[in-house]
Amino acid sequence: MVKDIPYDSSRYDVVFEGYKALKVFISLKRIGLNLLRNKNYQKAIEEFTIFIEKYEAYNYYELNYLDFFKWIQDDIYEIYLFRSFTFSLLKNFDNANADFSTLMTSDCEWTYPYFILFTWKVLENNTNDAIKYYYKFRECSKEFKHFEKDLLTHLPINKTLGKTIELINCSFGISS
């Protein structure tokens, strides 16, 4: 459901409006990530949800032609990843799966769904499947994602899995 119109069409200064909207999106992402880093998971989910709702409002009102919107389109998949990850940490797998499904039906890079599958297997304490999905994640991304180390700190990674992750990264020429 669209809560608000993010752009006042009665104004003539589209560039200025676009700049203001871009600042809002950047702010929501930054706040959400900081809340996630500080383990304030519910608040992080709220910020990510506001980001998604605003993104959907831009699509609904067909304002996605604005120049800054292409940057937001790149971020939306990360936001779904972050929110799914955070829902998973809270063991809210229904909502995590909904975001995962959104990623699976989108044109996002495959690293995002694989990282979520890896997360679920770690949380289930299923080391073998976690290794399998981490390997697939790493096959798709042969370099560290900017968010990867932050997210990994929230997972209960046992020694075996931790060492295997290091070996997988090393096999792809990635050092931590």
C-alpha atoms as a PDB file:
ATOM      1  CA  MET A   1       0.000   0.000   0.000  1.00  0.00           C
ATOM      2  CA  VAL A   2       1.357   3.376  -0.988  1.00  0.00           C
ATOM      3  CA  LYS A   3       1.536   5.658   2.036  1.00  0.00           C
ATOM      4  CA  ASP A   4       2.619   8.920   0.462  1.00  0.00           C
ATOM      5  CA  ILE A   5       3.529  10.581  -2.770  1.00  0.00           C
ATOM      6  CA  PRO A   6       7.285  11.080  -2.606  1.00  0.00           C
ATOM      7  CA  TYR A   7       7.282  13.842  -5.208  1.00  0.00           C
ATOM      8  CA  ASP A   8       5.228  16.996  -5.391  1.00  0.00           C
ATOM      9  CA  SER A   9       4.271  17.224  -9.062  1.00  0.00           C
ATOM     10  CA  SER A  10       3.112  20.825  -8.676  1.00  0.00           C
ATOM     11  CA  ARG A  11       6.733  21.968  -8.293  1.00  0.00           C
ATOM     12  CA  TYR A  12       8.850  22.879 -11.275  1.00  0.00           C
ATOM     13  CA  ASP A  13      12.284  22.059  -9.877  1.00  0.00           C
ATOM     14  CA  VAL A  14      12.481  18.337 -10.625  1.00  0.00           C
ATOM     15  CA  VAL A  15      16.264  18.216 -10.129  1.00  0.00           C
ATOM     16  CA  PHE A  16      15.979  19.646  -6.623  1.00  0.00           C
ATOM     17  CA  GLU A  17      13.125  17.286  -5.748  1.00  0.00           C
ATOM     18  CA  GLY A  18      15.151  14.354  -7.066  1.00  0.00           C
ATOM     19  CA  TYR A  19      18.139  15.394  -4.983  1.00  0.00           C
ATOM     20  CA  LYS A  20      15.998  15.620  -1.839  1.00  0.00           C
ATOM     21  CA  ALA A  21      14.455  12.218  -2.523  1.00  0.00           C
ATOM     22  CA  LEU A  22      17.882  10.660  -3.139  1.00  0.00           C
ATOM     23  CA  LYS A  23      19.080  12.022   0.215  1.00  0.00           C
ATOM     24  CA  VAL A  24      16.083  10.387   1.914  1.00  0.00           C
ATOM     25  CA  PHE A  25      16.854   7.011   0.336  1.00  0.00           C
ATOM     26  CA  ILE A  26      20.543   7.246   1.252  1.00  0.00           C
ATOM     27  CA  SER A  27      19.608   8.210   4.797  1.00  0.00           C
ATOM     28  CA  LEU A  28      17.168   5.329   5.201  1.00  0.00           C
ATOM     29  CA  LYS A  29      19.757   2.822   3.996  1.00  0.00           C
ATOM     30  CA  ARG A  30      22.504   4.223   6.224  1.00  0.00           C
ATOM     31  CA  ILE A  31      20.269   4.348   9.313  1.00  0.00           C
ATOM     32  CA  GLY A  32      18.994   0.825   8.663  1.00  0.00           C
ATOM     33  CA  LEU A  33      22.528  -0.542   8.318  1.00  0.00           C
ATOM     34  CA  ASN A  34      23.689   1.231  11.469  1.00  0.00           C
ATOM     35  CA  LEU A  35      20.736  -0.185  13.392  1.00  0.00           C
ATOM     36  CA  LEU A  36      21.545  -3.647  12.042  1.00  0.00           C
ATOM     37  CA  ARG A  37      25.210  -3.267  13.051  1.00  0.00           C
ATOM     38  CA  ASN A  38      24.087  -2.273  16.538  1.00  0.00           C
ATOM     39  CA  LYS A  39      21.773  -5.303  16.712  1.00  0.00           C
ATOM     40  CA  ASN A  40      18.644  -3.161  16.859  1.00  0.00           C
ATOM     41  CA  TYR A  41      17.012  -5.546  14.440  1.00  0.00           C
ATOM     42  CA  GLN A  42      13.383  -4.457  14.669  1.00  0.00           C
ATOM     43  CA  LYS A  43      14.236  -0.793  14.062  1.00  0.00           C
ATOM     44  CA  ALA A  44      16.491  -1.801  11.160  1.00  0.00           C
ATOM     45  CA  ILE A  45      13.585  -3.691   9.595  1.00  0.00           C
ATOM     46  CA  GLU A  46      11.410  -0.586   9.985  1.00  0.00           C
ATOM     47  CA  GLU A  47      13.961   1.583   8.126  1.00  0.00           C
ATOM     48  CA  PHE A  48      14.376  -0.999   5.356  1.00  0.00           C
ATOM     49  CA  THR A  49      10.589  -1.241   5.049  1.00  0.00           C
ATOM     50  CA  ILE A  50      10.226   2.524   4.682  1.00  0.00           C
ATOM     51  CA  PHE A  51      12.885   2.432   1.942  1.00  0.00           C
ATOM     52  CA  ILE A  52      10.948  -0.297   0.103  1.00  0.00           C
ATOM     53  CA  GLU A  53       7.623   1.520   0.500  1.00  0.00           C
ATOM     54  CA  LYS A  54       9.091   4.740  -0.894  1.00  0.00           C
ATOM     55  CA  TYR A  55      10.658   2.823  -3.776  1.00  0.00           C
ATOM     56  CA  GLU A  56       7.296   1.210  -4.538  1.00  0.00           C
ATOM     57  CA  ALA A  57       5.606   4.622  -4.376  1.00  0.00           C
ATOM     58  CA  TYR A  58       7.990   5.950  -7.039  1.00  0.00           C
ATOM     59  CA  ASN A  59       7.071   3.017  -9.259  1.00  0.00           C
ATOM     60  CA  TYR A  60       3.364   3.376  -8.526  1.00  0.00           C
ATOM     61  CA  TYR A  61       3.345   7.063  -9.425  1.00  0.00           C
ATOM     62  CA  GLU A  62       5.569   6.365 -12.456  1.00  0.00           C
ATOM     63  CA  LEU A  63       8.324   8.664 -11.242  1.00  0.00           C
ATOM     64  CA  ASN A  64      11.026   6.115 -11.927  1.00  0.00           C
ATOM     65  CA  TYR A  65      12.134   8.120 -14.963  1.00  0.00           C
ATOM     66  CA  LEU A  66      13.902  10.624 -12.692  1.00  0.00           C
ATOM     67  CA  ASP A  67      17.703  10.523 -13.096  1.00  0.00           C
ATOM     68  CA  PHE A  68      18.508   9.584  -9.506  1.00  0.00           C
ATOM     69  CA  PHE A  69      16.134   6.616  -9.600  1.00  0.00           C
ATOM     70  CA  LYS A  70      18.676   4.366 -11.350  1.00  0.00           C
ATOM     71  CA  TRP A  71      20.854   4.551  -8.202  1.00  0.00           C
ATOM     72  CA  ILE A  72      17.913   3.568  -6.053  1.00  0.00           C
ATOM     73  CA  GLN A  73      17.167   0.619  -8.339  1.00  0.00           C
ATOM     74  CA  ASP A  74      20.653  -0.719  -7.620  1.00  0.00           C
ATOM     75  CA  ASP A  75      20.064  -0.402  -3.874  1.00  0.00           C
ATOM     76  CA  ILE A  76      16.618  -1.980  -3.701  1.00  0.00           C
ATOM     77  CA  TYR A  77      17.971  -5.521  -4.004  1.00  0.00           C
ATOM     78  CA  GLU A  78      20.456  -4.898  -1.213  1.00  0.00           C
ATOM     79  CA  ILE A  79      17.650  -3.569   0.952  1.00  0.00           C
ATOM     80  CA  TYR A  80      15.610  -6.734   0.353  1.00  0.00           C
ATOM     81  CA  LEU A  81      18.726  -8.768   1.205  1.00  0.00           C
ATOM     82  CA  PHE A  82      19.312  -6.798   4.420  1.00  0.00           C
ATOM     83  CA  ARG A  83      15.677  -7.039   5.481  1.00  0.00           C
ATOM     84  CA  SER A  84      15.494 -10.781   4.729  1.00  0.00           C
ATOM     85  CA  PHE A  85      18.729 -11.302   6.642  1.00  0.00           C
ATOM     86  CA  THR A  86      17.424  -9.302   9.607  1.00  0.00           C
ATOM     87  CA  PHE A  87      14.085 -11.125   9.619  1.00  0.00           C
ATOM     88  CA  SER A  88      16.089 -14.369   9.617  1.00  0.00           C
ATOM     89  CA  LEU A  89      18.101 -13.300  12.645  1.00  0.00           C
ATOM     90  CA  LEU A  90      14.807 -12.705  14.458  1.00  0.00           C
ATOM     91  CA  LYS A  91      13.642 -16.175  13.326  1.00  0.00           C
ATOM     92  CA  ASN A  92      10.806 -14.545  11.383  1.00  0.00           C
ATOM     93  CA  PHE A  93      11.228 -16.893   8.446  1.00  0.00           C
ATOM     94  CA  ASP A  94       7.860 -16.148   6.815  1.00  0.00           C
ATOM     95  CA  ASN A  95       8.822 -12.525   6.202  1.00  0.00           C
ATOM     96  CA  ALA A  96      12.421 -13.494   5.403  1.00  0.00           C
ATOM     97  CA  ASN A  97      11.118 -15.924   2.801  1.00  0.00           C
ATOM     98  CA  ALA A  98       8.855 -13.244   1.276  1.00  0.00           C
ATOM     99  CA  ASP A  99      11.873 -10.998   0.709  1.00  0.00           C
ATOM    100  CA  PHE A 100      13.883 -13.972  -0.535  1.00  0.00           C
ATOM    101  CA  SER A 101      11.093 -14.698  -3.046  1.00  0.00           C
ATOM    102  CA  THR A 102      11.235 -11.089  -4.220  1.00  0.00           C
ATOM    103  CA  LEU A 103      14.970 -11.489  -4.832  1.00  0.00           C
ATOM    104  CA  MET A 104      14.454 -14.785  -6.653  1.00  0.00           C
ATOM    105  CA  THR A 105      11.922 -13.258  -9.064  1.00  0.00           C
ATOM    106  CA  SER A 106      13.969 -10.112  -9.638  1.00  0.00           C
ATOM    107  CA  ASP A 107      16.935  -9.516 -11.891  1.00  0.00           C
ATOM    108  CA  CYS A 108      19.317  -9.121  -8.948  1.00  0.00           C
ATOM    109  CA  GLU A 109      22.655 -10.858  -8.913  1.00  0.00           C
ATOM    110  CA  TRP A 110      22.573 -14.435  -7.633  1.00  0.00           C
ATOM    111  CA  THR A 111      24.862 -13.635  -4.725  1.00  0.00           C
ATOM    112  CA  TYR A 112      21.931 -12.214  -2.761  1.00  0.00           C
ATOM    113  CA  PRO A 113      19.699 -15.316  -2.747  1.00  0.00           C
ATOM    114  CA  TYR A 114      22.715 -17.541  -2.076  1.00  0.00           C
ATOM    115  CA  PHE A 115      23.726 -15.396   0.881  1.00  0.00           C
ATOM    116  CA  ILE A 116      20.210 -15.727   2.340  1.00  0.00           C
ATOM    117  CA  LEU A 117      20.240 -19.507   1.840  1.00  0.00           C
ATOM    118  CA  PHE A 118      23.654 -19.621   3.502  1.00  0.00           C
ATOM    119  CA  THR A 119      22.283 -17.557   6.404  1.00  0.00           C
ATOM    120  CA  TRP A 120      19.343 -19.891   6.917  1.00  0.00           C
ATOM    121  CA  LYS A 121      21.590 -22.945   6.977  1.00  0.00           C
ATOM    122  CA  VAL A 122      23.927 -21.313   9.510  1.00  0.00           C
ATOM    123  CA  LEU A 123      20.955 -20.453  11.719  1.00  0.00           C
ATOM    124  CA  GLU A 124      19.736 -24.058  11.411  1.00  0.00           C
ATOM    125  CA  ASN A 125      23.245 -25.190  12.416  1.00  0.00           C
ATOM    126  CA  ASN A 126      23.458 -27.147   9.159  1.00  0.00           C
ATOM    127  CA  THR A 127      27.160 -26.716   8.417  1.00  0.00           C
ATOM    128  CA  ASN A 128      27.298 -28.899   5.285  1.00  0.00           C
ATOM    129  CA  ASP A 129      24.513 -27.040   3.489  1.00  0.00           C
ATOM    130  CA  ALA A 130      25.867 -23.698   4.744  1.00  0.00           C
ATOM    131  CA  ILE A 131      29.199 -24.553   3.108  1.00  0.00           C
ATOM    132  CA  LYS A 132      27.426 -25.517  -0.116  1.00  0.00           C
ATOM    133  CA  TYR A 133      25.571 -22.198  -0.306  1.00  0.00           C
ATOM    134  CA  TYR A 134      28.584 -20.141   0.702  1.00  0.00           C
ATOM    135  CA  TYR A 135      30.532 -21.782  -2.104  1.00  0.00           C
ATOM    136  CA  LYS A 136      27.764 -20.913  -4.575  1.00  0.00           C
ATOM    137  CA  PHE A 137      27.694 -17.367  -3.189  1.00  0.00           C
ATOM    138  CA  ARG A 138      31.442 -17.099  -3.676  1.00  0.00           C
ATOM    139  CA  GLU A 139      31.272 -18.560  -7.199  1.00  0.00           C
ATOM    140  CA  CYS A 140      28.992 -15.658  -8.145  1.00  0.00           C
ATOM    141  CA  SER A 141      31.085 -13.035  -6.381  1.00  0.00           C
ATOM    142  CA  LYS A 142      34.802 -13.575  -6.434  1.00  0.00           C
ATOM    143  CA  GLU A 143      35.426 -10.533  -4.267  1.00  0.00           C
ATOM    144  CA  PHE A 144      34.117  -9.399  -0.911  1.00  0.00           C
ATOM    145  CA  LYS A 145      30.788  -7.628  -0.989  1.00  0.00           C
ATOM    146  CA  HIS A 146      30.882  -4.361   0.920  1.00  0.00           C
ATOM    147  CA  PHE A 147      28.273  -5.674   3.383  1.00  0.00           C
ATOM    148  CA  GLU A 148      29.579  -9.220   3.769  1.00  0.00           C
ATOM    149  CA  LYS A 149      31.868  -8.880   6.790  1.00  0.00           C
ATOM    150  CA  ASP A 150      29.261  -6.857   8.683  1.00  0.00           C
ATOM    151  CA  LEU A 151      26.548  -9.443   8.129  1.00  0.00           C
ATOM    152  CA  LEU A 152      28.773 -12.406   8.950  1.00  0.00           C
ATOM    153  CA  THR A 153      29.427 -10.989  12.436  1.00  0.00           C
ATOM    154  CA  HIS A 154      25.743 -11.511  13.283  1.00  0.00           C
ATOM    155  CA  LEU A 155      25.778 -15.224  12.483  1.00  0.00           C
ATOM    156  CA  PRO A 156      26.721 -18.000  14.914  1.00  0.00           C
ATOM    157  CA  ILE A 157      29.499 -19.411  12.731  1.00  0.00           C
ATOM    158  CA  ASN A 158      31.214 -22.425  14.302  1.00  0.00           C
ATOM    159  CA  LYS A 159      34.962 -23.069  13.924  1.00  0.00           C
ATOM    160  CA  THR A 160      34.553 -25.664  11.190  1.00  0.00           C
ATOM    161  CA  LEU A 161      32.404 -23.379   9.090  1.00  0.00           C
ATOM    162  CA  GLY A 162      34.669 -20.394   9.780  1.00  0.00           C
ATOM    163  CA  LYS A 163      37.752 -22.304   8.596  1.00  0.00           C
ATOM    164  CA  THR A 164      35.904 -23.620   5.546  1.00  0.00           C
ATOM    165  CA  ILE A 165      34.817 -20.095   4.615  1.00  0.00           C
ATOM    166  CA  GLU A 166      38.459 -19.013   4.812  1.00  0.00           C
ATOM    167  CA  LEU A 167      39.481 -21.918   2.565  1.00  0.00           C
ATOM    168  CA  ILE A 168      36.737 -21.183   0.041  1.00  0.00           C
ATOM    169  CA  ASN A 169      37.749 -17.532  -0.068  1.00  0.00           C
ATOM    170  CA  CYS A 170      41.405 -18.523  -0.445  1.00  0.00           C
ATOM    171  CA  SER A 171      40.543 -20.901  -3.311  1.00  0.00           C
ATOM    172  CA  PHE A 172      39.002 -17.946  -5.147  1.00  0.00           C
ATOM    173  CA  GLY A 173      42.031 -15.762  -4.400  1.00  0.00           C
ATOM    174  CA  ILE A 174      40.228 -13.715  -1.760  1.00  0.00           C
ATOM    175  CA  SER A 175      42.029 -12.861   1.475  1.00  0.00           C
ATOM    176  CA  SER A 176      40.337 -11.345   4.462  1.00  0.00           C
END
